[in-house]
């Protein structure tokens, strides 16, 4: 059963400001999360939130997985040097 991918409004704002090539690369990675929310290359971040991150070029997609609701919530999208601040 596929997961639903939802994106927070703040992450959508960041995504809209990115160059087209980066935006398309990130969208492809986010769409793939619906089939496999924990793909190879996904890293669980330390902390109580239970967040994961995947790479999309120089950008990172930070997201949470809710298995009971079959939901992937994209919390943050950002450049690799800024996304963890």
N, C-alpha and C. Protein backbone atom coordinates (compact mmCIF):
# COMPACT_ATOMS: atom_id res chain seq x y z
N UNK A 1 0.84 -1.18 0.00
CA UNK A 1 0.00 0.00 0.00
C UNK A 1 0.89 1.25 0.00
N UNK A 2 0.67 2.18 -0.89
CA UNK A 2 1.54 3.36 -0.96
C UNK A 2 1.26 4.35 0.16
N UNK A 3 2.30 5.03 0.56
CA UNK A 3 2.20 6.08 1.56
C UNK A 3 1.77 7.37 0.87
N UNK A 4 1.13 8.26 1.62
CA UNK A 4 0.80 9.58 1.13
C UNK A 4 1.92 10.52 1.53
N UNK A 5 2.38 11.35 0.60
CA UNK A 5 3.45 12.30 0.89
C UNK A 5 2.83 13.69 1.02
N UNK A 6 3.00 14.30 2.18
CA UNK A 6 2.53 15.67 2.42
C UNK A 6 3.74 16.54 2.69
N UNK A 7 3.63 17.79 2.28
CA UNK A 7 4.74 18.73 2.41
C UNK A 7 4.26 19.93 3.21
N UNK A 8 5.01 20.31 4.24
CA UNK A 8 4.67 21.49 5.02
C UNK A 8 4.77 22.73 4.14
N UNK A 9 4.02 23.75 4.48
CA UNK A 9 3.99 25.00 3.71
C UNK A 9 5.36 25.66 3.66
N UNK A 10 6.10 25.60 4.76
CA UNK A 10 7.43 26.21 4.79
C UNK A 10 8.38 25.50 3.83
N UNK A 11 8.25 24.18 3.71
CA UNK A 11 9.09 23.43 2.78
C UNK A 11 8.70 23.73 1.34
N UNK A 12 7.41 23.94 1.09
CA UNK A 12 6.94 24.29 -0.26
C UNK A 12 7.49 25.65 -0.69
N UNK A 13 7.57 26.59 0.24
CA UNK A 13 8.13 27.91 -0.07
C UNK A 13 9.57 27.79 -0.52
N UNK A 14 10.34 27.01 0.22
CA UNK A 14 11.74 26.81 -0.13
C UNK A 14 11.86 26.13 -1.49
N UNK A 15 11.04 25.13 -1.72
CA UNK A 15 11.06 24.39 -2.97
C UNK A 15 10.75 25.31 -4.16
N UNK A 16 9.81 26.21 -3.99
CA UNK A 16 9.41 27.11 -5.08
C UNK A 16 10.53 28.08 -5.47
N UNK A 17 11.42 28.38 -4.55
CA UNK A 17 12.50 29.34 -4.81
C UNK A 17 13.74 28.71 -5.45
N UNK A 18 13.79 27.40 -5.50
CA UNK A 18 14.97 26.71 -6.02
C UNK A 18 15.00 26.74 -7.55
N UNK A 19 16.19 26.58 -8.14
CA UNK A 19 16.28 26.46 -9.59
C UNK A 19 15.50 25.24 -10.08
N UNK A 20 15.04 25.30 -11.31
CA UNK A 20 14.16 24.26 -11.87
C UNK A 20 14.79 22.87 -11.82
N UNK A 21 16.06 22.75 -12.16
CA UNK A 21 16.70 21.43 -12.17
C UNK A 21 16.74 20.82 -10.78
N UNK A 22 17.06 21.63 -9.78
CA UNK A 22 17.09 21.13 -8.40
C UNK A 22 15.68 20.78 -7.93
N UNK A 23 14.72 21.62 -8.30
CA UNK A 23 13.33 21.39 -7.90
C UNK A 23 12.82 20.06 -8.46
N UNK A 24 13.13 19.77 -9.71
CA UNK A 24 12.70 18.51 -10.32
C UNK A 24 13.36 17.31 -9.66
N UNK A 25 14.65 17.43 -9.35
CA UNK A 25 15.38 16.34 -8.69
C UNK A 25 14.76 16.05 -7.32
N UNK A 26 14.41 17.10 -6.58
CA UNK A 26 13.82 16.93 -5.25
C UNK A 26 12.43 16.31 -5.36
N UNK A 27 11.64 16.74 -6.34
CA UNK A 27 10.29 16.18 -6.51
C UNK A 27 10.34 14.68 -6.83
N UNK A 28 11.30 14.28 -7.64
CA UNK A 28 11.44 12.86 -7.96
C UNK A 28 11.76 12.06 -6.69
N UNK A 29 12.65 12.58 -5.86
CA UNK A 29 13.00 11.88 -4.62
C UNK A 29 11.82 11.82 -3.66
N UNK A 30 11.03 12.91 -3.58
CA UNK A 30 9.87 12.91 -2.70
C UNK A 30 8.79 11.96 -3.21
N UNK A 31 8.59 11.90 -4.51
CA UNK A 31 7.59 10.98 -5.06
C UNK A 31 7.97 9.53 -4.79
N UNK A 32 9.25 9.24 -4.79
CA UNK A 32 9.72 7.87 -4.53
C UNK A 32 9.46 7.46 -3.08
N UNK A 33 9.31 8.43 -2.18
CA UNK A 33 9.04 8.12 -0.78
C UNK A 33 7.67 7.46 -0.59
N UNK A 34 6.76 7.68 -1.51
CA UNK A 34 5.43 7.06 -1.36
C UNK A 34 5.51 5.54 -1.50
N UNK A 35 6.42 5.05 -2.31
CA UNK A 35 6.59 3.61 -2.47
C UNK A 35 7.47 3.00 -1.38
N UNK A 36 8.51 3.72 -0.99
CA UNK A 36 9.45 3.23 0.03
C UNK A 36 9.88 4.40 0.90
N UNK A 37 9.27 4.56 2.08
CA UNK A 37 9.59 5.71 2.93
C UNK A 37 10.98 5.65 3.58
N UNK A 38 11.60 4.50 3.54
CA UNK A 38 12.95 4.37 4.10
C UNK A 38 13.87 3.73 3.05
N UNK A 39 14.16 4.46 1.97
CA UNK A 39 15.00 3.87 0.91
C UNK A 39 16.45 3.74 1.36
N UNK A 40 17.23 3.00 0.60
CA UNK A 40 18.65 2.93 0.93
C UNK A 40 19.21 4.33 0.75
N UNK A 41 20.04 4.74 1.66
CA UNK A 41 20.57 6.09 1.64
C UNK A 41 19.84 7.02 2.59
N UNK A 42 18.69 6.61 3.10
CA UNK A 42 17.98 7.42 4.09
C UNK A 42 18.66 7.24 5.44
N UNK A 43 18.83 8.32 6.14
CA UNK A 43 19.51 8.30 7.43
C UNK A 43 18.56 8.79 8.51
N UNK A 44 18.48 8.05 9.60
CA UNK A 44 17.67 8.50 10.74
C UNK A 44 18.47 9.53 11.50
N UNK A 45 17.85 10.68 11.74
CA UNK A 45 18.53 11.75 12.46
C UNK A 45 18.40 11.53 13.95
N UNK A 46 19.41 11.96 14.69
CA UNK A 46 19.35 11.82 16.14
C UNK A 46 18.38 12.84 16.70
N UNK A 47 17.77 12.50 17.81
CA UNK A 47 16.80 13.38 18.43
C UNK A 47 15.49 12.66 18.64
N UNK A 48 14.63 13.23 19.45
CA UNK A 48 13.38 12.56 19.81
C UNK A 48 12.31 12.60 18.72
N UNK A 49 12.49 13.40 17.67
CA UNK A 49 11.44 13.57 16.67
C UNK A 49 11.28 12.37 15.75
N UNK A 50 12.31 11.55 15.59
CA UNK A 50 12.23 10.41 14.68
C UNK A 50 12.24 10.83 13.22
N UNK A 51 13.07 11.79 12.89
CA UNK A 51 13.15 12.30 11.53
C UNK A 51 14.18 11.53 10.71
N UNK A 52 13.95 11.52 9.41
CA UNK A 52 14.87 10.91 8.46
C UNK A 52 15.30 11.97 7.47
N UNK A 53 16.40 11.71 6.77
CA UNK A 53 16.81 12.61 5.70
C UNK A 53 17.31 11.81 4.52
N UNK A 54 17.05 12.35 3.33
CA UNK A 54 17.60 11.79 2.11
C UNK A 54 18.26 12.91 1.34
N UNK A 55 19.20 12.53 0.51
CA UNK A 55 19.94 13.49 -0.29
C UNK A 55 19.30 13.63 -1.66
N UNK A 56 19.36 14.85 -2.17
CA UNK A 56 18.93 15.14 -3.54
C UNK A 56 19.92 16.16 -4.08
N UNK A 57 21.04 15.68 -4.54
CA UNK A 57 22.11 16.60 -4.99
C UNK A 57 22.70 17.30 -3.78
N UNK A 58 22.78 18.63 -3.83
CA UNK A 58 23.30 19.42 -2.71
C UNK A 58 22.22 19.72 -1.67
N UNK A 59 21.02 19.25 -1.90
CA UNK A 59 19.91 19.54 -1.01
C UNK A 59 19.54 18.32 -0.20
N UNK A 60 18.91 18.57 0.96
CA UNK A 60 18.47 17.50 1.84
C UNK A 60 16.97 17.63 2.06
N UNK A 61 16.32 16.49 2.13
CA UNK A 61 14.89 16.43 2.41
C UNK A 61 14.76 15.78 3.78
N UNK A 62 14.22 16.51 4.74
CA UNK A 62 14.03 16.00 6.10
C UNK A 62 12.55 15.68 6.25
N UNK A 63 12.25 14.47 6.71
CA UNK A 63 10.86 14.04 6.76
C UNK A 63 10.62 13.09 7.93
N UNK A 64 9.34 12.94 8.26
CA UNK A 64 8.90 12.02 9.31
C UNK A 64 7.99 10.99 8.68
N UNK A 65 8.04 9.77 9.20
CA UNK A 65 7.20 8.68 8.70
C UNK A 65 6.22 8.28 9.79
N UNK A 66 4.94 8.25 9.42
CA UNK A 66 3.90 7.78 10.33
C UNK A 66 3.33 6.50 9.73
N UNK A 67 3.81 5.37 10.22
CA UNK A 67 3.44 4.07 9.65
C UNK A 67 1.96 3.72 9.83
N UNK A 68 1.38 4.07 10.95
CA UNK A 68 -0.02 3.71 11.19
C UNK A 68 -0.96 4.45 10.24
N UNK A 69 -0.61 5.70 9.89
CA UNK A 69 -1.45 6.50 8.99
C UNK A 69 -0.99 6.41 7.54
N UNK A 70 0.08 5.65 7.27
CA UNK A 70 0.67 5.55 5.93
C UNK A 70 0.95 6.95 5.37
N UNK A 71 1.69 7.74 6.16
CA UNK A 71 1.94 9.13 5.81
C UNK A 71 3.43 9.45 5.91
N UNK A 72 3.94 10.17 4.92
CA UNK A 72 5.29 10.73 4.96
C UNK A 72 5.12 12.24 4.96
N UNK A 73 5.60 12.90 6.00
CA UNK A 73 5.47 14.34 6.13
C UNK A 73 6.84 14.99 5.92
N UNK A 74 6.98 15.72 4.82
CA UNK A 74 8.23 16.44 4.54
C UNK A 74 8.23 17.69 5.39
N UNK A 75 9.18 17.77 6.31
CA UNK A 75 9.25 18.85 7.27
C UNK A 75 10.11 20.00 6.77
N UNK A 76 11.23 19.66 6.12
CA UNK A 76 12.19 20.69 5.75
C UNK A 76 12.92 20.29 4.48
N UNK A 77 13.19 21.28 3.64
CA UNK A 77 14.02 21.11 2.46
C UNK A 77 15.04 22.23 2.50
N UNK A 78 16.29 21.89 2.29
CA UNK A 78 17.30 22.95 2.32
C UNK A 78 18.63 22.47 1.81
N UNK A 79 19.50 23.45 1.60
CA UNK A 79 20.87 23.15 1.18
C UNK A 79 21.57 22.42 2.30
N UNK A 80 22.52 21.59 1.95
CA UNK A 80 23.17 20.71 2.94
C UNK A 80 23.84 21.48 4.06
N UNK A 81 24.30 22.70 3.82
CA UNK A 81 24.98 23.44 4.88
C UNK A 81 24.02 24.18 5.80
N UNK A 82 22.73 24.30 5.40
CA UNK A 82 21.79 25.08 6.18
C UNK A 82 20.64 24.28 6.79
N UNK A 83 20.38 23.10 6.29
CA UNK A 83 19.15 22.39 6.63
C UNK A 83 19.10 21.93 8.09
N UNK A 84 20.19 21.70 8.74
CA UNK A 84 20.19 21.16 10.10
C UNK A 84 20.20 22.23 11.17
N UNK A 85 20.24 23.47 10.80
CA UNK A 85 20.28 24.57 11.80
C UNK A 85 18.93 24.84 12.37
